[in-house]
């Protein structure tokens, strides 16, 4: 089996380039609610998760908007 080498290996550093992927703003609350309810809930004890899913959706939307603004936004997330 022949090892895979990059064109950069001769200079002493091996790098793997991965293209950036853009995400879209979608509502993940309903699919997550259905998955959690079908997996962990019963008719006797339904799981209350509305507030946590809203918080998750809000954080996700903030991350999407921030990622679109560039380096300054990335530094704001890191803080």
PDB file of N, CA and C in Angstrom:
ATOM      1  N   UNK A   1       0.843  -1.170   0.000  1.00  0.00           N
ATOM      2  CA  UNK A   1       0.000   0.000   0.000  1.00  0.00           C
ATOM      3  C   UNK A   1       0.892   1.237   0.000  1.00  0.00           C
ATOM      4  N   UNK A   2       0.643   2.180  -0.876  1.00  0.00           N
ATOM      5  CA  UNK A   2       1.444   3.386  -1.004  1.00  0.00           C
ATOM      6  C   UNK A   2       0.920   4.459  -0.057  1.00  0.00           C
ATOM      7  N   UNK A   3       1.774   5.068   0.773  1.00  0.00           N
ATOM      8  CA  UNK A   3       1.299   6.122   1.678  1.00  0.00           C
ATOM      9  C   UNK A   3       0.907   7.369   0.903  1.00  0.00           C
ATOM     10  N   UNK A   4      -0.078   8.074   1.404  1.00  0.00           N
ATOM     11  CA  UNK A   4      -0.540   9.304   0.779  1.00  0.00           C
ATOM     12  C   UNK A   4       0.268  10.452   1.358  1.00  0.00           C
ATOM     13  N   UNK A   5       0.861  11.250   0.516  1.00  0.00           N
ATOM     14  CA  UNK A   5       1.632  12.402   0.973  1.00  0.00           C
ATOM     15  C   UNK A   5       1.086  13.653   0.330  1.00  0.00           C
ATOM     16  N   UNK A   6       1.218  14.746   1.023  1.00  0.00           N
ATOM     17  CA  UNK A   6       0.766  16.013   0.460  1.00  0.00           C
ATOM     18  C   UNK A   6       1.917  16.684  -0.273  1.00  0.00           C
ATOM     19  N   UNK A   7       1.604  17.675  -1.062  1.00  0.00           N
ATOM     20  CA  UNK A   7       2.639  18.393  -1.795  1.00  0.00           C
ATOM     21  C   UNK A   7       3.477  19.250  -0.861  1.00  0.00           C
ATOM     22  N   UNK A   8       3.002  19.484   0.349  1.00  0.00           N
ATOM     23  CA  UNK A   8       3.715  20.301   1.320  1.00  0.00           C
ATOM     24  C   UNK A   8       4.729  19.498   2.124  1.00  0.00           C
ATOM     25  N   UNK A   9       4.736  18.171   2.029  1.00  0.00           N
ATOM     26  CA  UNK A   9       5.578  17.356   2.884  1.00  0.00           C
ATOM     27  C   UNK A   9       7.068  17.595   2.647  1.00  0.00           C
ATOM     28  N   UNK A  10       7.447  18.045   1.483  1.00  0.00           N
ATOM     29  CA  UNK A  10       8.857  18.316   1.210  1.00  0.00           C
ATOM     30  C   UNK A  10       9.360  19.528   1.980  1.00  0.00           C
ATOM     31  N   UNK A  11       8.470  20.464   2.258  1.00  0.00           N
ATOM     32  CA  UNK A  11       8.893  21.668   2.972  1.00  0.00           C
ATOM     33  C   UNK A  11       8.885  21.477   4.481  1.00  0.00           C
ATOM     34  N   UNK A  12       8.412  20.357   4.956  1.00  0.00           N
ATOM     35  CA  UNK A  12       8.468  20.071   6.386  1.00  0.00           C
ATOM     36  C   UNK A  12       7.159  20.222   7.130  1.00  0.00           C
ATOM     37  N   UNK A  13       6.100  20.672   6.483  1.00  0.00           N
ATOM     38  CA  UNK A  13       4.825  20.793   7.183  1.00  0.00           C
ATOM     39  C   UNK A  13       3.723  20.132   6.369  1.00  0.00           C
ATOM     40  N   UNK A  14       2.984  19.286   7.020  1.00  0.00           N
ATOM     41  CA  UNK A  14       1.862  18.614   6.372  1.00  0.00           C
ATOM     42  C   UNK A  14       0.582  19.327   6.778  1.00  0.00           C
ATOM     43  N   UNK A  15      -0.161  19.795   5.806  1.00  0.00           N
ATOM     44  CA  UNK A  15      -1.406  20.501   6.073  1.00  0.00           C
ATOM     45  C   UNK A  15      -2.539  19.840   5.312  1.00  0.00           C
ATOM     46  N   UNK A  16      -3.676  19.842   5.922  1.00  0.00           N
ATOM     47  CA  UNK A  16      -4.878  19.344   5.279  1.00  0.00           C
ATOM     48  C   UNK A  16      -5.824  20.515   5.127  1.00  0.00           C
ATOM     49  N   UNK A  17      -6.186  20.835   3.907  1.00  0.00           N
ATOM     50  CA  UNK A  17      -7.069  21.948   3.652  1.00  0.00           C
ATOM     51  C   UNK A  17      -8.496  21.428   3.555  1.00  0.00           C
ATOM     52  N   UNK A  18      -9.370  22.026   4.346  1.00  0.00           N
ATOM     53  CA  UNK A  18     -10.779  21.657   4.338  1.00  0.00           C
ATOM     54  C   UNK A  18     -11.581  22.903   3.989  1.00  0.00           C
ATOM     55  N   UNK A  19     -12.379  22.862   2.942  1.00  0.00           N
ATOM     56  CA  UNK A  19     -13.156  24.049   2.569  1.00  0.00           C
ATOM     57  C   UNK A  19     -14.235  24.353   3.610  1.00  0.00           C
ATOM     58  N   UNK A  20     -14.501  25.631   3.784  1.00  0.00           N
ATOM     59  CA  UNK A  20     -15.538  26.050   4.721  1.00  0.00           C
ATOM     60  C   UNK A  20     -16.910  25.708   4.168  1.00  0.00           C
ATOM     61  N   UNK A  21     -17.795  25.353   5.065  1.00  0.00           N
ATOM     62  CA  UNK A  21     -19.170  25.071   4.667  1.00  0.00           C
ATOM     63  C   UNK A  21     -20.066  26.131   5.289  1.00  0.00           C
ATOM     64  N   UNK A  22     -20.978  26.620   4.521  1.00  0.00           N
ATOM     65  CA  UNK A  22     -21.917  27.619   5.020  1.00  0.00           C
ATOM     66  C   UNK A  22     -23.168  26.908   5.523  1.00  0.00           C
ATOM     67  N   UNK A  23     -23.611  27.309   6.678  1.00  0.00           N
ATOM     68  CA  UNK A  23     -24.821  26.725   7.238  1.00  0.00           C
ATOM     69  C   UNK A  23     -25.996  27.645   6.961  1.00  0.00           C
ATOM     70  N   UNK A  24     -27.169  27.117   7.007  1.00  0.00           N
ATOM     71  CA  UNK A  24     -28.356  27.937   6.779  1.00  0.00           C
ATOM     72  C   UNK A  24     -29.167  28.005   8.064  1.00  0.00           C
ATOM     73  N   UNK A  25     -29.958  29.046   8.158  1.00  0.00           N
ATOM     74  CA  UNK A  25     -30.770  29.277   9.345  1.00  0.00           C
ATOM     75  C   UNK A  25     -32.063  28.472   9.224  1.00  0.00           C
ATOM     76  N   UNK A  26     -32.118  27.359   9.930  1.00  0.00           N
ATOM     77  CA  UNK A  26     -33.317  26.522   9.924  1.00  0.00           C
ATOM     78  C   UNK A  26     -33.795  26.339  11.351  1.00  0.00           C
ATOM     79  N   UNK A  27     -35.030  25.947  11.502  1.00  0.00           N
ATOM     80  CA  UNK A  27     -35.593  25.691  12.825  1.00  0.00           C
ATOM     81  C   UNK A  27     -35.351  24.226  13.177  1.00  0.00           C
ATOM     82  N   UNK A  28     -34.488  23.993  14.146  1.00  0.00           N
ATOM     83  CA  UNK A  28     -34.182  22.628  14.560  1.00  0.00           C
ATOM     84  C   UNK A  28     -35.000  22.211  15.778  1.00  0.00           C
ATOM     85  N   UNK A  29     -35.803  23.128  16.314  1.00  0.00           N
ATOM     86  CA  UNK A  29     -36.563  22.849  17.530  1.00  0.00           C
ATOM     87  C   UNK A  29     -37.559  21.701  17.365  1.00  0.00           C
ATOM     88  N   UNK A  30     -38.348  21.755  16.304  1.00  0.00           N
ATOM     89  CA  UNK A  30     -39.389  20.743  16.131  1.00  0.00           C
ATOM     90  C   UNK A  30     -38.806  19.340  15.904  1.00  0.00           C
ATOM     91  N   UNK A  31     -37.824  19.169  15.003  1.00  0.00           N
ATOM     92  CA  UNK A  31     -37.246  17.828  14.852  1.00  0.00           C
ATOM     93  C   UNK A  31     -36.593  17.319  16.132  1.00  0.00           C
ATOM     94  N   UNK A  32     -35.897  18.203  16.858  1.00  0.00           N
ATOM     95  CA  UNK A  32     -35.290  17.781  18.122  1.00  0.00           C
ATOM     96  C   UNK A  32     -36.351  17.408  19.154  1.00  0.00           C
ATOM     97  N   UNK A  33     -37.408  18.204  19.212  1.00  0.00           N
ATOM     98  CA  UNK A  33     -38.502  17.916  20.150  1.00  0.00           C
ATOM     99  C   UNK A  33     -39.107  16.539  19.858  1.00  0.00           C
ATOM    100  N   UNK A  34     -39.341  16.258  18.585  1.00  0.00           N
ATOM    101  CA  UNK A  34     -39.909  14.955  18.201  1.00  0.00           C
ATOM    102  C   UNK A  34     -38.969  13.803  18.539  1.00  0.00           C
ATOM    103  N   UNK A  35     -37.671  13.988  18.262  1.00  0.00           N
ATOM    104  CA  UNK A  35     -36.695  12.949  18.562  1.00  0.00           C
ATOM    105  C   UNK A  35     -36.608  12.681  20.059  1.00  0.00           C
ATOM    106  N   UNK A  36     -36.511  13.727  20.847  1.00  0.00           N
ATOM    107  CA  UNK A  36     -36.409  13.567  22.300  1.00  0.00           C
ATOM    108  C   UNK A  36     -37.675  12.952  22.860  1.00  0.00           C
ATOM    109  N   UNK A  37     -38.824  13.417  22.392  1.00  0.00           N
ATOM    110  CA  UNK A  37     -40.094  12.891  22.892  1.00  0.00           C
ATOM    111  C   UNK A  37     -40.265  11.418  22.548  1.00  0.00           C
ATOM    112  N   UNK A  38     -39.882  11.039  21.335  1.00  0.00           N
ATOM    113  CA  UNK A  38     -40.054   9.638  20.935  1.00  0.00           C
ATOM    114  C   UNK A  38     -39.050   8.718  21.630  1.00  0.00           C
ATOM    115  N   UNK A  39     -37.906   9.264  22.010  1.00  0.00           N
ATOM    116  CA  UNK A  39     -36.869   8.450  22.627  1.00  0.00           C
ATOM    117  C   UNK A  39     -36.981   8.381  24.143  1.00  0.00           C
ATOM    118  N   UNK A  40     -37.260   9.504  24.790  1.00  0.00           N
ATOM    119  CA  UNK A  40     -37.162   9.571  26.250  1.00  0.00           C
ATOM    120  C   UNK A  40     -38.473   9.815  26.982  1.00  0.00           C
ATOM    121  N   UNK A  41     -39.519  10.186  26.293  1.00  0.00           N
ATOM    122  CA  UNK A  41     -40.763  10.546  26.961  1.00  0.00           C
ATOM    123  C   UNK A  41     -41.736   9.374  26.966  1.00  0.00           C
ATOM    124  N   UNK A  42     -42.621   9.403  27.939  1.00  0.00           N
ATOM    125  CA  UNK A  42     -43.710   8.435  27.969  1.00  0.00           C
ATOM    126  C   UNK A  42     -45.014   9.196  28.182  1.00  0.00           C
ATOM    127  N   UNK A  43     -46.117   8.542  27.969  1.00  0.00           N
ATOM    128  CA  UNK A  43     -47.404   9.212  28.156  1.00  0.00           C
ATOM    129  C   UNK A  43     -47.637   9.536  29.631  1.00  0.00           C
ATOM    130  N   UNK A  44     -47.004   8.795  30.530  1.00  0.00           N
ATOM    131  CA  UNK A  44     -47.150   9.054  31.963  1.00  0.00           C
ATOM    132  C   UNK A  44     -46.329  10.262  32.420  1.00  0.00           C
ATOM    133  N   UNK A  45     -45.160  10.455  31.818  1.00  0.00           N
ATOM    134  CA  UNK A  45     -44.270  11.534  32.241  1.00  0.00           C
ATOM    135  C   UNK A  45     -43.674  12.238  31.022  1.00  0.00           C
ATOM    136  N   UNK A  46     -44.427  13.150  30.400  1.00  0.00           N
ATOM    137  CA  UNK A  46     -43.881  13.867  29.260  1.00  0.00           C
ATOM    138  C   UNK A  46     -42.722  14.771  29.682  1.00  0.00           C
ATOM    139  N   UNK A  47     -41.751  14.906  28.828  1.00  0.00           N
ATOM    140  CA  UNK A  47     -40.576  15.716  29.131  1.00  0.00           C
ATOM    141  C   UNK A  47     -40.861  17.171  28.748  1.00  0.00           C
ATOM    142  N   UNK A  48     -40.600  18.082  29.682  1.00  0.00           N
ATOM    143  CA  UNK A  48     -40.761  19.509  29.427  1.00  0.00           C
ATOM    144  C   UNK A  48     -39.435  20.053  28.903  1.00  0.00           C
ATOM    145  N   UNK A  49     -39.401  20.424  27.636  1.00  0.00           N
ATOM    146  CA  UNK A  49     -38.143  20.856  27.043  1.00  0.00           C
ATOM    147  C   UNK A  49     -38.272  22.122  26.210  1.00  0.00           C
ATOM    148  N   UNK A  50     -39.413  22.753  26.238  1.00  0.00           N
ATOM    149  CA  UNK A  50     -39.651  23.919  25.392  1.00  0.00           C
ATOM    150  C   UNK A  50     -38.658  25.038  25.596  1.00  0.00           C
ATOM    151  N   UNK A  51     -38.398  25.404  26.853  1.00  0.00           N
ATOM    152  CA  UNK A  51     -37.474  26.501  27.130  1.00  0.00           C
ATOM    153  C   UNK A  51     -36.052  26.174  26.702  1.00  0.00           C
ATOM    154  N   UNK A  52     -35.615  24.953  26.934  1.00  0.00           N
ATOM    155  CA  UNK A  52     -34.253  24.555  26.566  1.00  0.00           C
ATOM    156  C   UNK A  52     -34.078  24.517  25.053  1.00  0.00           C
ATOM    157  N   UNK A  53     -35.089  24.069  24.326  1.00  0.00           N
ATOM    158  CA  UNK A  53     -35.003  24.048  22.864  1.00  0.00           C
ATOM    159  C   UNK A  53     -34.999  25.462  22.289  1.00  0.00           C
ATOM    160  N   UNK A  54     -35.763  26.360  22.885  1.00  0.00           N
ATOM    161  CA  UNK A  54     -35.759  27.757  22.439  1.00  0.00           C
ATOM    162  C   UNK A  54     -34.383  28.380  22.674  1.00  0.00           C
ATOM    163  N   UNK A  55     -33.791  28.078  23.823  1.00  0.00           N
ATOM    164  CA  UNK A  55     -32.461  28.592  24.128  1.00  0.00           C
ATOM    165  C   UNK A  55     -31.424  28.040  23.144  1.00  0.00           C
ATOM    166  N   UNK A  56     -31.515  26.741  22.848  1.00  0.00           N
ATOM    167  CA  UNK A  56     -30.606  26.125  21.887  1.00  0.00           C
ATOM    168  C   UNK A  56     -30.746  26.770  20.516  1.00  0.00           C
ATOM    169  N   UNK A  57     -31.974  26.985  20.072  1.00  0.00           N
ATOM    170  CA  UNK A  57     -32.220  27.602  18.762  1.00  0.00           C
ATOM    171  C   UNK A  57     -31.659  29.021  18.727  1.00  0.00           C
ATOM    172  N   UNK A  58     -31.823  29.766  19.811  1.00  0.00           N
ATOM    173  CA  UNK A  58     -31.315  31.129  19.883  1.00  0.00           C
ATOM    174  C   UNK A  58     -29.785  31.137  19.810  1.00  0.00           C
ATOM    175  N   UNK A  59     -29.126  30.234  20.530  1.00  0.00           N
ATOM    176  CA  UNK A  59     -27.665  30.145  20.490  1.00  0.00           C
ATOM    177  C   UNK A  59     -27.171  29.746  19.098  1.00  0.00           C
ATOM    178  N   UNK A  60     -27.879  28.826  18.462  1.00  0.00           N
ATOM    179  CA  UNK A  60     -27.496  28.380  17.115  1.00  0.00           C
ATOM    180  C   UNK A  60     -27.611  29.530  16.117  1.00  0.00           C
ATOM    181  N   UNK A  61     -28.703  30.281  16.193  1.00  0.00           N
ATOM    182  CA  UNK A  61     -28.879  31.406  15.283  1.00  0.00           C
ATOM    183  C   UNK A  61     -27.807  32.467  15.504  1.00  0.00           C
ATOM    184  N   UNK A  62     -27.445  32.697  16.766  1.00  0.00           N
ATOM    185  CA  UNK A  62     -26.376  33.647  17.064  1.00  0.00           C
ATOM    186  C   UNK A  62     -25.054  33.199  16.483  1.00  0.00           C
ATOM    187  N   UNK A  63     -24.762  31.914  16.570  1.00  0.00           N
ATOM    188  CA  UNK A  63     -23.517  31.381  16.015  1.00  0.00           C
ATOM    189  C   UNK A  63     -23.500  31.485  14.492  1.00  0.00           C
ATOM    190  N   UNK A  64     -24.632  31.267  13.866  1.00  0.00           N
ATOM    191  CA  UNK A  64     -24.709  31.367  12.396  1.00  0.00           C
ATOM    192  C   UNK A  64     -24.476  32.805  11.966  1.00  0.00           C
ATOM    193  N   UNK A  65     -25.133  33.736  12.622  1.00  0.00           N
ATOM    194  CA  UNK A  65     -24.964  35.147  12.261  1.00  0.00           C
ATOM    195  C   UNK A  65     -23.540  35.600  12.513  1.00  0.00           C
ATOM    196  N   UNK A  66     -22.960  35.145  13.599  1.00  0.00           N
ATOM    197  CA  UNK A  66     -21.607  35.536  13.948  1.00  0.00           C
ATOM    198  C   UNK A  66     -20.603  34.979  12.951  1.00  0.00           C
ATOM    199  N   UNK A  67     -20.804  33.752  12.500  1.00  0.00           N
ATOM    200  CA  UNK A  67     -19.865  33.143  11.562  1.00  0.00           C
ATOM    201  C   UNK A  67     -19.865  33.847  10.218  1.00  0.00           C
ATOM    202  N   UNK A  68     -20.922  34.547   9.902  1.00  0.00           N
ATOM    203  CA  UNK A  68     -21.002  35.251   8.629  1.00  0.00           C
ATOM    204  C   UNK A  68     -20.272  36.583   8.665  1.00  0.00           C
ATOM    205  N   UNK A  69     -19.889  37.057   9.847  1.00  0.00           N
ATOM    206  CA  UNK A  69     -19.285  38.376   9.957  1.00  0.00           C
ATOM    207  C   UNK A  69     -17.763  38.368   9.966  1.00  0.00           C
ATOM    208  N   UNK A  70     -17.140  37.231  10.042  1.00  0.00           N
ATOM    209  CA  UNK A  70     -15.698  37.185   9.888  1.00  0.00           C
ATOM    210  C   UNK A  70     -14.899  37.034  11.162  1.00  0.00           C
ATOM    211  N   UNK A  71     -13.666  37.495  11.104  1.00  0.00           N
ATOM    212  CA  UNK A  71     -12.693  37.290  12.177  1.00  0.00           C
ATOM    213  C   UNK A  71     -13.098  37.960  13.482  1.00  0.00           C
ATOM    214  N   UNK A  72     -13.631  39.178  13.425  1.00  0.00           N
ATOM    215  CA  UNK A  72     -14.028  39.880  14.651  1.00  0.00           C
ATOM    216  C   UNK A  72     -15.126  39.114  15.383  1.00  0.00           C
ATOM    217  N   UNK A  73     -16.022  38.528  14.630  1.00  0.00           N
ATOM    218  CA  UNK A  73     -17.093  37.754  15.230  1.00  0.00           C
ATOM    219  C   UNK A  73     -16.558  36.478  15.845  1.00  0.00           C
ATOM    220  N   UNK A  74     -15.597  35.856  15.205  1.00  0.00           N
ATOM    221  CA  UNK A  74     -14.999  34.637  15.747  1.00  0.00           C
ATOM    222  C   UNK A  74     -14.314  34.924  17.079  1.00  0.00           C
ATOM    223  N   UNK A  75     -13.674  36.062  17.191  1.00  0.00           N
ATOM    224  CA  UNK A  75     -13.044  36.433  18.454  1.00  0.00           C
ATOM    225  C   UNK A  75     -14.080  36.701  19.527  1.00  0.00           C
ATOM    226  N   UNK A  76     -15.244  37.229  19.151  1.00  0.00           N
ATOM    227  CA  UNK A  76     -16.308  37.474  20.129  1.00  0.00           C
ATOM    228  C   UNK A  76     -16.852  36.165  20.672  1.00  0.00           C
ATOM    229  N   UNK A  77     -16.949  35.150  19.828  1.00  0.00           N
ATOM    230  CA  UNK A  77     -17.428  33.836  20.274  1.00  0.00           C
ATOM    231  C   UNK A  77     -16.417  33.216  21.223  1.00  0.00           C
ATOM    232  N   UNK A  78     -15.141  33.388  20.935  1.00  0.00           N
ATOM    233  CA  UNK A  78     -14.090  32.775  21.749  1.00  0.00           C
ATOM    234  C   UNK A  78     -14.044  33.333  23.161  1.00  0.00           C
ATOM    235  N   UNK A  79     -14.545  34.539  23.371  1.00  0.00           N
ATOM    236  CA  UNK A  79     -14.519  35.154  24.701  1.00  0.00           C
ATOM    237  C   UNK A  79     -15.508  34.569  25.608  1.00  0.00           C
TER     238      UNK A  79
END
